[in-house]
Amino acid sequence: MSEAITSHIFNHLVELASLELSEEEAEYLRRELNGQMKAIRELEAIQIADDVPITSHGVTYTPEISAPLREDRSEPWPGADDILAGAPQVEGRYVVVPDIPHEDLS
């Protein structure tokens, strides 16, 4: 079976993700991704009877076996002032962070 992620496709993905990889790193990662794709194809090939329900988890969590839900409550953390004291810039009780420059991708 041919590789699902060719060098051409991989290089395009690397460019889209703005990654900087050496040739060795790129080839290693491409091989690893193809290994993951192969494992997924093998799992997809397993025949499962139509009467088996679809699951997202191995154990169905019913109310009988699940822990009861906790009450939602807000409790201020006593160390917040220590965190704010260590911030380079604070406005009120908020940490001020620099604006993140971005490019218009349209």
PDB file of N, CA and C in Angstrom:
ATOM      1  N   MET A   1       0.849  -1.172   0.000  1.00  0.00           N
ATOM      2  CA  MET A   1       0.000   0.000   0.000  1.00  0.00           C
ATOM      3  C   MET A   1       0.895   1.236   0.000  1.00  0.00           C
ATOM      4  N   SER A   2       0.587   2.217  -0.822  1.00  0.00           N
ATOM      5  CA  SER A   2       1.412   3.416  -0.906  1.00  0.00           C
ATOM      6  C   SER A   2       1.213   4.292   0.331  1.00  0.00           C
ATOM      7  N   GLU A   3       2.167   5.179   0.540  1.00  0.00           N
ATOM      8  CA  GLU A   3       2.079   6.068   1.688  1.00  0.00           C
ATOM      9  C   GLU A   3       0.969   7.088   1.483  1.00  0.00           C
ATOM     10  N   ALA A   4       0.219   7.339   2.527  1.00  0.00           N
ATOM     11  CA  ALA A   4      -0.873   8.302   2.449  1.00  0.00           C
ATOM     12  C   ALA A   4      -0.341   9.728   2.419  1.00  0.00           C
ATOM     13  N   ILE A   5       0.771   9.959   3.103  1.00  0.00           N
ATOM     14  CA  ILE A   5       1.342  11.301   3.169  1.00  0.00           C
ATOM     15  C   ILE A   5       2.651  11.298   2.393  1.00  0.00           C
ATOM     16  N   THR A   6       2.572  11.769   1.161  1.00  0.00           N
ATOM     17  CA  THR A   6       3.767  11.845   0.312  1.00  0.00           C
ATOM     18  C   THR A   6       4.629  13.022   0.752  1.00  0.00           C
ATOM     19  N   SER A   7       5.839  13.097   0.242  1.00  0.00           N
ATOM     20  CA  SER A   7       6.718  14.224   0.557  1.00  0.00           C
ATOM     21  C   SER A   7       6.079  15.534   0.130  1.00  0.00           C
ATOM     22  N   HIS A   8       5.417  15.521  -1.023  1.00  0.00           N
ATOM     23  CA  HIS A   8       4.772  16.733  -1.533  1.00  0.00           C
ATOM     24  C   HIS A   8       3.672  17.200  -0.575  1.00  0.00           C
ATOM     25  N   ILE A   9       2.808  16.287  -0.151  1.00  0.00           N
ATOM     26  CA  ILE A   9       1.727  16.633   0.785  1.00  0.00           C
ATOM     27  C   ILE A   9       2.313  17.086   2.117  1.00  0.00           C
ATOM     28  N   PHE A  10       3.317  16.360   2.606  1.00  0.00           N
ATOM     29  CA  PHE A  10       3.925  16.697   3.891  1.00  0.00           C
ATOM     30  C   PHE A  10       4.541  18.093   3.853  1.00  0.00           C
ATOM     31  N   ASN A  11       5.274  18.399   2.786  1.00  0.00           N
ATOM     32  CA  ASN A  11       5.890  19.718   2.670  1.00  0.00           C
ATOM     33  C   ASN A  11       4.837  20.820   2.652  1.00  0.00           C
ATOM     34  N   HIS A  12       3.714  20.547   2.000  1.00  0.00           N
ATOM     35  CA  HIS A  12       2.623  21.525   1.984  1.00  0.00           C
ATOM     36  C   HIS A  12       2.077  21.733   3.402  1.00  0.00           C
ATOM     37  N   LEU A  13       1.893  20.651   4.150  1.00  0.00           N
ATOM     38  CA  LEU A  13       1.394  20.747   5.524  1.00  0.00           C
ATOM     39  C   LEU A  13       2.382  21.498   6.415  1.00  0.00           C
ATOM     40  N   VAL A  14       3.669  21.235   6.224  1.00  0.00           N
ATOM     41  CA  VAL A  14       4.700  21.925   7.005  1.00  0.00           C
ATOM     42  C   VAL A  14       4.651  23.423   6.716  1.00  0.00           C
ATOM     43  N   GLU A  15       4.467  23.770   5.448  1.00  0.00           N
ATOM     44  CA  GLU A  15       4.377  25.180   5.070  1.00  0.00           C
ATOM     45  C   GLU A  15       3.132  25.831   5.693  1.00  0.00           C
ATOM     46  N   LEU A  16       1.991  25.139   5.633  1.00  0.00           N
ATOM     47  CA  LEU A  16       0.760  25.686   6.221  1.00  0.00           C
ATOM     48  C   LEU A  16       0.909  25.902   7.729  1.00  0.00           C
ATOM     49  N   ALA A  17       1.620  25.000   8.382  1.00  0.00           N
ATOM     50  CA  ALA A  17       1.793  25.087   9.832  1.00  0.00           C
ATOM     51  C   ALA A  17       2.948  26.006  10.223  1.00  0.00           C
ATOM     52  N   SER A  18       3.663  26.541   9.228  1.00  0.00           N
ATOM     53  CA  SER A  18       4.812  27.425   9.464  1.00  0.00           C
ATOM     54  C   SER A  18       5.852  26.765  10.366  1.00  0.00           C
ATOM     55  N   LEU A  19       6.133  25.499  10.092  1.00  0.00           N
ATOM     56  CA  LEU A  19       7.137  24.776  10.862  1.00  0.00           C
ATOM     57  C   LEU A  19       8.502  24.914  10.198  1.00  0.00           C
ATOM     58  N   GLU A  20       9.530  24.871  11.010  1.00  0.00           N
ATOM     59  CA  GLU A  20      10.888  24.835  10.504  1.00  0.00           C
ATOM     60  C   GLU A  20      11.491  23.502  10.928  1.00  0.00           C
ATOM     61  N   LEU A  21      11.667  22.603   9.958  1.00  0.00           N
ATOM     62  CA  LEU A  21      12.190  21.272  10.246  1.00  0.00           C
ATOM     63  C   LEU A  21      13.421  21.019   9.399  1.00  0.00           C
ATOM     64  N   SER A  22      14.391  20.324   9.989  1.00  0.00           N
ATOM     65  CA  SER A  22      15.521  19.877   9.182  1.00  0.00           C
ATOM     66  C   SER A  22      15.031  18.731   8.292  1.00  0.00           C
ATOM     67  N   GLU A  23      15.825  18.360   7.302  1.00  0.00           N
ATOM     68  CA  GLU A  23      15.411  17.257   6.424  1.00  0.00           C
ATOM     69  C   GLU A  23      15.217  15.966   7.210  1.00  0.00           C
ATOM     70  N   GLU A  24      16.105  15.721   8.179  1.00  0.00           N
ATOM     71  CA  GLU A  24      15.988  14.508   8.985  1.00  0.00           C
ATOM     72  C   GLU A  24      14.721  14.535   9.835  1.00  0.00           C
ATOM     73  N   GLU A  25      14.432  15.690  10.455  1.00  0.00           N
ATOM     74  CA  GLU A  25      13.218  15.811  11.269  1.00  0.00           C
ATOM     75  C   GLU A  25      11.964  15.637  10.412  1.00  0.00           C
ATOM     76  N   ALA A  26      11.984  16.245   9.237  1.00  0.00           N
ATOM     77  CA  ALA A  26      10.820  16.172   8.352  1.00  0.00           C
ATOM     78  C   ALA A  26      10.572  14.732   7.909  1.00  0.00           C
ATOM     79  N   GLU A  27      11.621  14.038   7.523  1.00  0.00           N
ATOM     80  CA  GLU A  27      11.442  12.664   7.059  1.00  0.00           C
ATOM     81  C   GLU A  27      11.002  11.751   8.196  1.00  0.00           C
ATOM     82  N   TYR A  28      11.561  11.958   9.391  1.00  0.00           N
ATOM     83  CA  TYR A  28      11.155  11.172  10.552  1.00  0.00           C
ATOM     84  C   TYR A  28       9.669  11.397  10.852  1.00  0.00           C
ATOM     85  N   LEU A  29       9.257  12.665  10.897  1.00  0.00           N
ATOM     86  CA  LEU A  29       7.868  12.982  11.204  1.00  0.00           C
ATOM     87  C   LEU A  29       6.927  12.445  10.141  1.00  0.00           C
ATOM     88  N   ARG A  30       7.318  12.534   8.871  1.00  0.00           N
ATOM     89  CA  ARG A  30       6.485  12.008   7.783  1.00  0.00           C
ATOM     90  C   ARG A  30       6.314  10.500   7.923  1.00  0.00           C
ATOM     91  N   ARG A  31       7.400   9.786   8.254  1.00  0.00           N
ATOM     92  CA  ARG A  31       7.311   8.334   8.456  1.00  0.00           C
ATOM     93  C   ARG A  31       6.398   8.006   9.635  1.00  0.00           C
ATOM     94  N   GLU A  32       6.529   8.764  10.722  1.00  0.00           N
ATOM     95  CA  GLU A  32       5.685   8.538  11.892  1.00  0.00           C
ATOM     96  C   GLU A  32       4.209   8.770  11.559  1.00  0.00           C
ATOM     97  N   LEU A  33       3.914   9.839  10.840  1.00  0.00           N
ATOM     98  CA  LEU A  33       2.528  10.112  10.455  1.00  0.00           C
ATOM     99  C   LEU A  33       1.982   9.014   9.556  1.00  0.00           C
ATOM    100  N   ASN A  34       2.787   8.526   8.634  1.00  0.00           N
ATOM    101  CA  ASN A  34       2.342   7.422   7.783  1.00  0.00           C
ATOM    102  C   ASN A  34       2.107   6.159   8.609  1.00  0.00           C
ATOM    103  N   GLY A  35       2.906   5.949   9.645  1.00  0.00           N
ATOM    104  CA  GLY A  35       2.674   4.816  10.542  1.00  0.00           C
ATOM    105  C   GLY A  35       1.343   4.957  11.265  1.00  0.00           C
ATOM    106  N   GLN A  36       1.025   6.178  11.696  1.00  0.00           N
ATOM    107  CA  GLN A  36      -0.263   6.431  12.339  1.00  0.00           C
ATOM    108  C   GLN A  36      -1.409   6.167  11.368  1.00  0.00           C
ATOM    109  N   MET A  37      -1.254   6.627  10.128  1.00  0.00           N
ATOM    110  CA  MET A  37      -2.290   6.412   9.113  1.00  0.00           C
ATOM    111  C   MET A  37      -2.484   4.922   8.841  1.00  0.00           C
ATOM    112  N   LYS A  38      -1.378   4.166   8.819  1.00  0.00           N
ATOM    113  CA  LYS A  38      -1.471   2.721   8.593  1.00  0.00           C
ATOM    114  C   LYS A  38      -2.255   2.059   9.727  1.00  0.00           C
ATOM    115  N   ALA A  39      -1.976   2.469  10.961  1.00  0.00           N
ATOM    116  CA  ALA A  39      -2.694   1.905  12.110  1.00  0.00           C
ATOM    117  C   ALA A  39      -4.182   2.232  12.029  1.00  0.00           C
ATOM    118  N   ILE A  40      -4.518   3.436  11.609  1.00  0.00           N
ATOM    119  CA  ILE A  40      -5.927   3.822  11.457  1.00  0.00           C
ATOM    120  C   ILE A  40      -6.598   2.982  10.389  1.00  0.00           C
ATOM    121  N   ARG A  41      -5.917   2.757   9.261  1.00  0.00           N
ATOM    122  CA  ARG A  41      -6.491   1.924   8.188  1.00  0.00           C
ATOM    123  C   ARG A  41      -6.718   0.498   8.681  1.00  0.00           C
ATOM    124  N   GLU A  42      -5.794  -0.032   9.490  1.00  0.00           N
ATOM    125  CA  GLU A  42      -5.961  -1.383  10.025  1.00  0.00           C
ATOM    126  C   GLU A  42      -7.171  -1.449  10.954  1.00  0.00           C
ATOM    127  N   LEU A  43      -7.360  -0.429  11.779  1.00  0.00           N
ATOM    128  CA  LEU A  43      -8.529  -0.404  12.666  1.00  0.00           C
ATOM    129  C   LEU A  43      -9.815  -0.288  11.861  1.00  0.00           C
ATOM    130  N   GLU A  44      -9.795   0.515  10.816  1.00  0.00           N
ATOM    131  CA  GLU A  44     -10.992   0.660   9.972  1.00  0.00           C
ATOM    132  C   GLU A  44     -11.363  -0.645   9.276  1.00  0.00           C
ATOM    133  N   ALA A  45     -10.375  -1.502   9.034  1.00  0.00           N
ATOM    134  CA  ALA A  45     -10.622  -2.744   8.312  1.00  0.00           C
ATOM    135  C   ALA A  45     -11.259  -3.829   9.187  1.00  0.00           C
ATOM    136  N   ILE A  46     -11.289  -3.620  10.481  1.00  0.00           N
ATOM    137  CA  ILE A  46     -11.882  -4.616  11.377  1.00  0.00           C
ATOM    138  C   ILE A  46     -13.384  -4.668  11.138  1.00  0.00           C
ATOM    139  N   GLN A  47     -13.889  -5.867  10.888  1.00  0.00           N
ATOM    140  CA  GLN A  47     -15.322  -6.049  10.650  1.00  0.00           C
ATOM    141  C   GLN A  47     -16.065  -6.058  11.982  1.00  0.00           C
ATOM    142  N   ILE A  48     -17.061  -5.223  12.081  1.00  0.00           N
ATOM    143  CA  ILE A  48     -17.871  -5.132  13.291  1.00  0.00           C
ATOM    144  C   ILE A  48     -19.319  -5.378  12.893  1.00  0.00           C
ATOM    145  N   ALA A  49     -19.978  -6.225  13.660  1.00  0.00           N
ATOM    146  CA  ALA A  49     -21.380  -6.548  13.368  1.00  0.00           C
ATOM    147  C   ALA A  49     -22.245  -5.293  13.444  1.00  0.00           C
ATOM    148  N   ASP A  50     -23.279  -5.270  12.621  1.00  0.00           N
ATOM    149  CA  ASP A  50     -24.169  -4.112  12.569  1.00  0.00           C
ATOM    150  C   ASP A  50     -24.927  -3.878  13.874  1.00  0.00           C
ATOM    151  N   ASP A  51     -25.093  -4.924  14.688  1.00  0.00           N
ATOM    152  CA  ASP A  51     -25.844  -4.748  15.928  1.00  0.00           C
ATOM    153  C   ASP A  51     -24.983  -4.250  17.093  1.00  0.00           C
ATOM    154  N   VAL A  52     -23.688  -4.022  16.858  1.00  0.00           N
ATOM    155  CA  VAL A  52     -22.815  -3.489  17.903  1.00  0.00           C
ATOM    156  C   VAL A  52     -22.968  -1.973  17.917  1.00  0.00           C
ATOM    157  N   PRO A  53     -23.372  -1.405  19.058  1.00  0.00           N
ATOM    158  CA  PRO A  53     -23.587   0.049  19.099  1.00  0.00           C
ATOM    159  C   PRO A  53     -22.266   0.820  19.010  1.00  0.00           C
ATOM    160  N   ILE A  54     -22.353   2.002  18.432  1.00  0.00           N
ATOM    161  CA  ILE A  54     -21.189   2.875  18.333  1.00  0.00           C
ATOM    162  C   ILE A  54     -20.874   3.401  19.732  1.00  0.00           C
ATOM    163  N   THR A  55     -19.609   3.402  20.085  1.00  0.00           N
ATOM    164  CA  THR A  55     -19.201   3.914  21.394  1.00  0.00           C
ATOM    165  C   THR A  55     -18.038   4.876  21.233  1.00  0.00           C
ATOM    166  N   SER A  56     -17.933   5.804  22.155  1.00  0.00           N
ATOM    167  CA  SER A  56     -16.775   6.693  22.180  1.00  0.00           C
ATOM    168  C   SER A  56     -15.896   6.367  23.381  1.00  0.00           C
ATOM    169  N   HIS A  57     -16.343   5.427  24.193  1.00  0.00           N
ATOM    170  CA  HIS A  57     -15.605   5.039  25.390  1.00  0.00           C
ATOM    171  C   HIS A  57     -15.884   3.566  25.659  1.00  0.00           C
ATOM    172  N   GLY A  58     -14.923   2.892  26.247  1.00  0.00           N
ATOM    173  CA  GLY A  58     -15.067   1.461  26.494  1.00  0.00           C
ATOM    174  C   GLY A  58     -16.091   1.111  27.550  1.00  0.00           C
ATOM    175  N   VAL A  59     -16.424   2.048  28.421  1.00  0.00           N
ATOM    176  CA  VAL A  59     -17.384   1.789  29.495  1.00  0.00           C
ATOM    177  C   VAL A  59     -18.535   2.771  29.352  1.00  0.00           C
ATOM    178  N   THR A  60     -19.737   2.287  29.352  1.00  0.00           N
ATOM    179  CA  THR A  60     -20.902   3.161  29.331  1.00  0.00           C
ATOM    180  C   THR A  60     -21.131   3.677  30.740  1.00  0.00           C
ATOM    181  N   TYR A  61     -21.112   4.972  30.888  1.00  0.00           N
ATOM    182  CA  TYR A  61     -21.303   5.565  32.213  1.00  0.00           C
ATOM    183  C   TYR A  61     -22.783   5.834  32.443  1.00  0.00           C
ATOM    184  N   THR A  62     -23.390   4.975  33.224  1.00  0.00           N
ATOM    185  CA  THR A  62     -24.804   5.122  33.570  1.00  0.00           C
ATOM    186  C   THR A  62     -24.892   5.828  34.918  1.00  0.00           C
ATOM    187  N   PRO A  63     -26.049   6.377  35.249  1.00  0.00           N
ATOM    188  CA  PRO A  63     -26.191   7.031  36.561  1.00  0.00           C
ATOM    189  C   PRO A  63     -25.875   6.084  37.724  1.00  0.00           C
ATOM    190  N   GLU A  64     -26.115   4.800  37.530  1.00  0.00           N
ATOM    191  CA  GLU A  64     -25.888   3.841  38.623  1.00  0.00           C
ATOM    192  C   GLU A  64     -24.403   3.699  38.966  1.00  0.00           C
ATOM    193  N   ILE A  65     -23.512   3.834  37.970  1.00  0.00           N
ATOM    194  CA  ILE A  65     -22.083   3.632  38.248  1.00  0.00           C
ATOM    195  C   ILE A  65     -21.296   4.929  38.240  1.00  0.00           C
ATOM    196  N   SER A  66     -21.947   6.049  37.944  1.00  0.00           N
ATOM    197  CA  SER A  66     -21.268   7.339  37.886  1.00  0.00           C
ATOM    198  C   SER A  66     -21.316   8.035  39.236  1.00  0.00           C
ATOM    199  N   ALA A  67     -20.272   8.780  39.518  1.00  0.00           N
ATOM    200  CA  ALA A  67     -20.262   9.578  40.749  1.00  0.00           C
ATOM    201  C   ALA A  67     -21.291  10.700  40.621  1.00  0.00           C
ATOM    202  N   PRO A  68     -21.885  11.099  41.718  1.00  0.00           N
ATOM    203  CA  PRO A  68     -22.860  12.192  41.631  1.00  0.00           C
ATOM    204  C   PRO A  68     -22.174  13.493  41.224  1.00  0.00           C
ATOM    205  N   LEU A  69     -22.923  14.367  40.555  1.00  0.00           N
ATOM    206  CA  LEU A  69     -22.377  15.654  40.145  1.00  0.00           C
ATOM    207  C   LEU A  69     -22.125  16.514  41.367  1.00  0.00           C
ATOM    208  N   ARG A  70     -21.036  17.297  41.298  1.00  0.00           N
ATOM    209  CA  ARG A  70     -20.736  18.211  42.392  1.00  0.00           C
ATOM    210  C   ARG A  70     -21.491  19.518  42.194  1.00  0.00           C
ATOM    211  N   GLU A  71     -21.758  20.184  43.273  1.00  0.00           N
ATOM    212  CA  GLU A  71     -22.394  21.487  43.212  1.00  0.00           C
ATOM    213  C   GLU A  71     -21.388  22.498  42.665  1.00  0.00           C
ATOM    214  N   ASP A  72     -21.829  23.366  41.740  1.00  0.00           N
ATOM    215  CA  ASP A  72     -20.967  24.432  41.235  1.00  0.00           C
ATOM    216  C   ASP A  72     -20.838  25.503  42.302  1.00  0.00           C
ATOM    217  N   ARG A  73     -19.617  25.879  42.610  1.00  0.00           N
ATOM    218  CA  ARG A  73     -19.415  26.965  43.553  1.00  0.00           C
ATOM    219  C   ARG A  73     -18.090  27.659  43.237  1.00  0.00           C
ATOM    220  N   SER A  74     -18.079  28.926  43.476  1.00  0.00           N
ATOM    221  CA  SER A  74     -16.895  29.741  43.216  1.00  0.00           C
ATOM    222  C   SER A  74     -16.202  30.024  44.531  1.00  0.00           C
ATOM    223  N   GLU A  75     -14.903  29.736  44.572  1.00  0.00           N
ATOM    224  CA  GLU A  75     -14.124  30.008  45.768  1.00  0.00           C
ATOM    225  C   GLU A  75     -12.868  30.758  45.347  1.00  0.00           C
ATOM    226  N   PRO A  76     -12.737  32.023  45.726  1.00  0.00           N
ATOM    227  CA  PRO A  76     -11.538  32.774  45.359  1.00  0.00           C
ATOM    228  C   PRO A  76     -10.287  32.098  45.925  1.00  0.00           C
ATOM    229  N   TRP A  77      -9.248  32.069  45.099  1.00  0.00           N
ATOM    230  CA  TRP A  77      -7.998  31.459  45.542  1.00  0.00           C
ATOM    231  C   TRP A  77      -7.227  32.464  46.375  1.00  0.00           C
ATOM    232  N   PRO A  78      -6.741  32.085  47.544  1.00  0.00           N
ATOM    233  CA  PRO A  78      -6.091  33.058  48.422  1.00  0.00           C
ATOM    234  C   PRO A  78      -4.749  33.582  47.890  1.00  0.00           C
ATOM    235  N   GLY A  79      -4.140  32.917  46.920  1.00  0.00           N
ATOM    236  CA  GLY A  79      -2.836  33.347  46.413  1.00  0.00           C
ATOM    237  C   GLY A  79      -2.898  34.258  45.207  1.00  0.00           C
ATOM    238  N   ALA A  80      -4.083  34.768  44.859  1.00  0.00           N
ATOM    239  CA  ALA A  80      -4.216  35.601  43.661  1.00  0.00           C
ATOM    240  C   ALA A  80      -3.371  36.868  43.756  1.00  0.00           C
ATOM    241  N   ASP A  81      -3.296  37.466  44.927  1.00  0.00           N
ATOM    242  CA  ASP A  81      -2.508  38.694  45.079  1.00  0.00           C
ATOM    243  C   ASP A  81      -1.027  38.433  44.818  1.00  0.00           C
ATOM    244  N   ASP A  82      -0.530  37.258  45.196  1.00  0.00           N
ATOM    245  CA  ASP A  82       0.871  36.914  44.933  1.00  0.00           C
ATOM    246  C   ASP A  82       1.135  36.819  43.426  1.00  0.00           C
ATOM    247  N   ILE A  83       0.175  36.250  42.692  1.00  0.00           N
ATOM    248  CA  ILE A  83       0.326  36.142  41.242  1.00  0.00           C
ATOM    249  C   ILE A  83       0.303  37.525  40.614  1.00  0.00           C
ATOM    250  N   LEU A  84      -0.653  38.357  41.026  1.00  0.00           N
ATOM    251  CA  LEU A  84      -0.751  39.712  40.478  1.00  0.00           C
ATOM    252  C   LEU A  84       0.492  40.533  40.807  1.00  0.00           C
ATOM    253  N   ALA A  85       1.079  40.318  41.977  1.00  0.00           N
ATOM    254  CA  ALA A  85       2.291  41.046  42.362  1.00  0.00           C
ATOM    255  C   ALA A  85       3.470  40.689  41.457  1.00  0.00           C
ATOM    256  N   GLY A  86       3.456  39.496  40.901  1.00  0.00           N
ATOM    257  CA  GLY A  86       4.550  39.071  40.027  1.00  0.00           C
ATOM    258  C   GLY A  86       4.353  39.422  38.564  1.00  0.00           C
ATOM    259  N   ALA A  87       3.196  39.967  38.212  1.00  0.00           N
ATOM    260  CA  ALA A  87       2.914  40.316  36.813  1.00  0.00           C
ATOM    261  C   ALA A  87       3.623  41.610  36.455  1.00  0.00           C
ATOM    262  N   PRO A  88       4.138  41.716  35.222  1.00  0.00           N
ATOM    263  CA  PRO A  88       4.835  42.945  34.835  1.00  0.00           C
ATOM    264  C   PRO A  88       3.919  44.169  34.770  1.00  0.00           C
ATOM    265  N   GLN A  89       2.645  43.956  34.411  1.00  0.00           N
ATOM    266  CA  GLN A  89       1.713  45.083  34.334  1.00  0.00           C
ATOM    267  C   GLN A  89       0.326  44.595  34.727  1.00  0.00           C
ATOM    268  N   VAL A  90      -0.324  45.347  35.615  1.00  0.00           N
ATOM    269  CA  VAL A  90      -1.651  44.984  36.111  1.00  0.00           C
ATOM    270  C   VAL A  90      -2.560  46.199  35.970  1.00  0.00           C
ATOM    271  N   GLU A  91      -3.794  45.939  35.577  1.00  0.00           N
ATOM    272  CA  GLU A  91      -4.813  46.987  35.529  1.00  0.00           C
ATOM    273  C   GLU A  91      -6.013  46.468  36.304  1.00  0.00           C
ATOM    274  N   GLY A  92      -6.299  47.115  37.421  1.00  0.00           N
ATOM    275  CA  GLY A  92      -7.332  46.579  38.305  1.00  0.00           C
ATOM    276  C   GLY A  92      -6.834  45.250  38.858  1.00  0.00           C
ATOM    277  N   ARG A  93      -7.595  44.200  38.663  1.00  0.00           N
ATOM    278  CA  ARG A  93      -7.151  42.862  39.089  1.00  0.00           C
ATOM    279  C   ARG A  93      -6.900  41.975  37.877  1.00  0.00           C
ATOM    280  N   TYR A  94      -6.551  42.600  36.754  1.00  0.00           N
ATOM    281  CA  TYR A  94      -6.282  41.870  35.518  1.00  0.00           C
ATOM    282  C   TYR A  94      -4.821  42.048  35.116  1.00  0.00           C
ATOM    283  N   VAL A  95      -4.221  40.985  34.611  1.00  0.00           N
ATOM    284  CA  VAL A  95      -2.866  41.052  34.081  1.00  0.00           C
ATOM    285  C   VAL A  95      -2.949  41.603  32.660  1.00  0.00           C
ATOM    286  N   VAL A  96      -2.177  42.630  32.372  1.00  0.00           N
ATOM    287  CA  VAL A  96      -2.149  43.233  31.038  1.00  0.00           C
ATOM    288  C   VAL A  96      -1.097  42.496  30.213  1.00  0.00           C
ATOM    289  N   VAL A  97      -1.503  42.033  29.041  1.00  0.00           N
ATOM    290  CA  VAL A  97      -0.580  41.325  28.146  1.00  0.00           C
ATOM    291  C   VAL A  97      -0.435  42.117  26.857  1.00  0.00           C
ATOM    292  N   PRO A  98       0.714  42.003  26.186  1.00  0.00           N
ATOM    293  CA  PRO A  98       0.891  42.755  24.942  1.00  0.00           C
ATOM    294  C   PRO A  98      -0.033  42.235  23.849  1.00  0.00           C
ATOM    295  N   ASP A  99      -0.381  43.122  22.937  1.00  0.00           N
ATOM    296  CA  ASP A  99      -1.200  42.746  21.800  1.00  0.00           C
ATOM    297  C   ASP A  99      -0.431  41.749  20.945  1.00  0.00           C
ATOM    298  N   ILE A 100      -1.108  40.769  20.408  1.00  0.00           N
ATOM    299  CA  ILE A 100      -0.461  39.763  19.571  1.00  0.00           C
ATOM    300  C   ILE A 100      -0.605  40.187  18.116  1.00  0.00           C
ATOM    301  N   PRO A 101       0.522  40.492  17.452  1.00  0.00           N
ATOM    302  CA  PRO A 101       0.406  40.881  16.044  1.00  0.00           C
ATOM    303  C   PRO A 101      -0.037  39.689  15.199  1.00  0.00           C
ATOM    304  N   HIS A 102      -0.797  39.951  14.167  1.00  0.00           N
ATOM    305  CA  HIS A 102      -1.269  38.881  13.306  1.00  0.00           C
ATOM    306  C   HIS A 102      -1.348  39.370  11.873  1.00  0.00           C
ATOM    307  N   GLU A 103      -1.414  38.430  10.984  1.00  0.00           N
ATOM    308  CA  GLU A 103      -1.536  38.745   9.569  1.00  0.00           C
ATOM    309  C   GLU A 103      -2.932  38.397   9.102  1.00  0.00           C
ATOM    310  N   ASP A 104      -3.443  39.208   8.187  1.00  0.00           N
ATOM    311  CA  ASP A 104      -4.731  38.894   7.583  1.00  0.00           C
ATOM    312  C   ASP A 104      -4.503  37.789   6.571  1.00  0.00           C
ATOM    313  N   LEU A 105      -5.137  36.650   6.755  1.00  0.00           N
ATOM    314  CA  LEU A 105      -4.891  35.492   5.897  1.00  0.00           C
ATOM    315  C   LEU A 105      -5.827  35.441   4.702  1.00  0.00           C
ATOM    316  N   SER A 106      -6.657  36.446   4.518  1.00  0.00           N
ATOM    317  CA  SER A 106      -7.594  36.400   3.383  1.00  0.00           C
ATOM    318  C   SER A 106      -6.935  36.844   2.100  1.00  0.00           C
TER     319      SER A 106
END
